[in-house]
Structures are given as C-alpha cells and as structure tokens.
Amino acid sequence: MAATAMNVDDSGMAAAAAAAANGQARPRCMSSYVDEGSVQSHRYYLARRTLLEMLRDRGYAIPSSDIDVSLAEFRATHGQSPDIDRLRISNSLRSDPSKRVLVYFCNPGPVKVTSIRYISGQIANKDGLSGLILVLQGEMTNQALKALDLFPFKVQVFQITDLLVNITKHVLKPKHRVLTDQEKQRLLKKYSIQEKQLPRMLKNDAIARYYGLEKGQVVKVTYSGDITGTHVTYRCVW
C-alpha cells in the first residue's frame, strides 16, 4: 500500500512538473483559498465596499479607486482589528455638492439612546449634512429608534450583515434604475395614468433601501432572460 501511495505522489509531482514546463498554471492548493486574516476585518471590508457602491449608485462622488481596494490593501491600512472611526465615509452628491452624506459604523453590541447622543455629538457640521447612514452590529433599542427623529436630516439604519453582499449584483436580480421627476411625469403622461396605478414597491424593500428611495419615487425594472427575453416594468415606492 505504501508503495502504491508513493507512486501516486510521484506521478502527481511529475504531472505538475510537466505542466510547469509547458507553461501551464499549476493547480492551486486548497489552503491558498483560505483567508488567514481576522473575520472582523473581512466583514468591515465587505460592508464598506458595499456602502461605497451604494453611494455611487445614489449619485455620490465616489472614486473608483476607493471601491477597487483589495482586502489585502484594506488590511494594510486598517489592520486586523480596524478602528471604526477610521471607516467613516463622507461624500457629496455629484449633481449638488452642497448635499453631503455621512456613513457611521457603530460599536458592536446594542445601540442605546446614549449611543445616538454620542453620535450626534461627533457630527461637527450638521447643517451641511443631508443624510446619515448608521451601520449596526447589534440591535437598536426602541428609545434609540425614536431618538433618530431628532436629527434634522434623513437617517438610515443597516445591519452590517445586510451589507456583506451587494444585492444589486446578484445574477438573478433584474436591473433597477431610479427615474428622475421629469422621467416620471413623462411616463405617467405617456400612459395616461396616476402614480397610484403603477405596481408598488414597499419603502422597506431591499432595493428601495439600497437606493434610499422615498414614497412616490418610480423605479424602472428591466428583466432579461434567455427564454423570456427582455421586458420592462415600473414600480412606485409606497
């Protein structure tokens, strides 16, 4: 049995050597696919990348170089235990630089009223802010949720686990595009309908949350398939 095993190993090594000699890539060892870094840094990396893509898709000025950062580059900058204060994102709309959004990562654990007060105190220029996105790593208490209403701008809350994957990139997800007010009015006029007659999309729908949509906004949904071909429908956020 030992001799047989040795022959198998020898033949495998010979095959690898022959492949290398012919310029072919060697099969990668399974261990090369294992991430030896911390789970914490990997989660922060994935969530931050999704957030950058989300803001770009909302029309914010996000450089491609920020989105294209690799996990290794992220860890080289932030380490295996990133400081959440350094993960904050602040960018302005391309069409209106006066409108700025801030992304704030909360500490692990429950988010209480005291946490919201602390976050409010950390925001230096509230007047120049048009939106705030909080990334949670635990539950938010009812009192803390009510305290969000005290902010003079829109506040969105995401769990970090909801940001590990960009849902808009899923192969089975149809393409969504948010219509401008002018495009919406042309659509309603073209078909002689009111917005309440359009198919609905709930405000808490994952896509509506991704784009930060408000009630009354209309989304163009394009479906593509080998069998059904391409067809378009429209949904109004409700």
Foldseek 3Di string as FASTA:
>chain_A
DVVVVVVVVVVLVVVQVVCVVVVHDGDDDPVVVDDPAAPQLLLLLLLLLLLLVLCVLLQWDRDVVVNPQDSVNSCVVQNRHGDQVVSKDKTAGPVDRLEIEIEGEDDADEQELVNLVVVVVVDDDLVSYAEYEYEYNYHYDPRNVVVVVVRPHYYHYHYSVLRNDNVCPDPQAWHKDWDDPVRVVVVCVVVVHDQVPFAADECPPPVNSSNVHDAQTKMKTWDADPPPGIDIGMYGYD
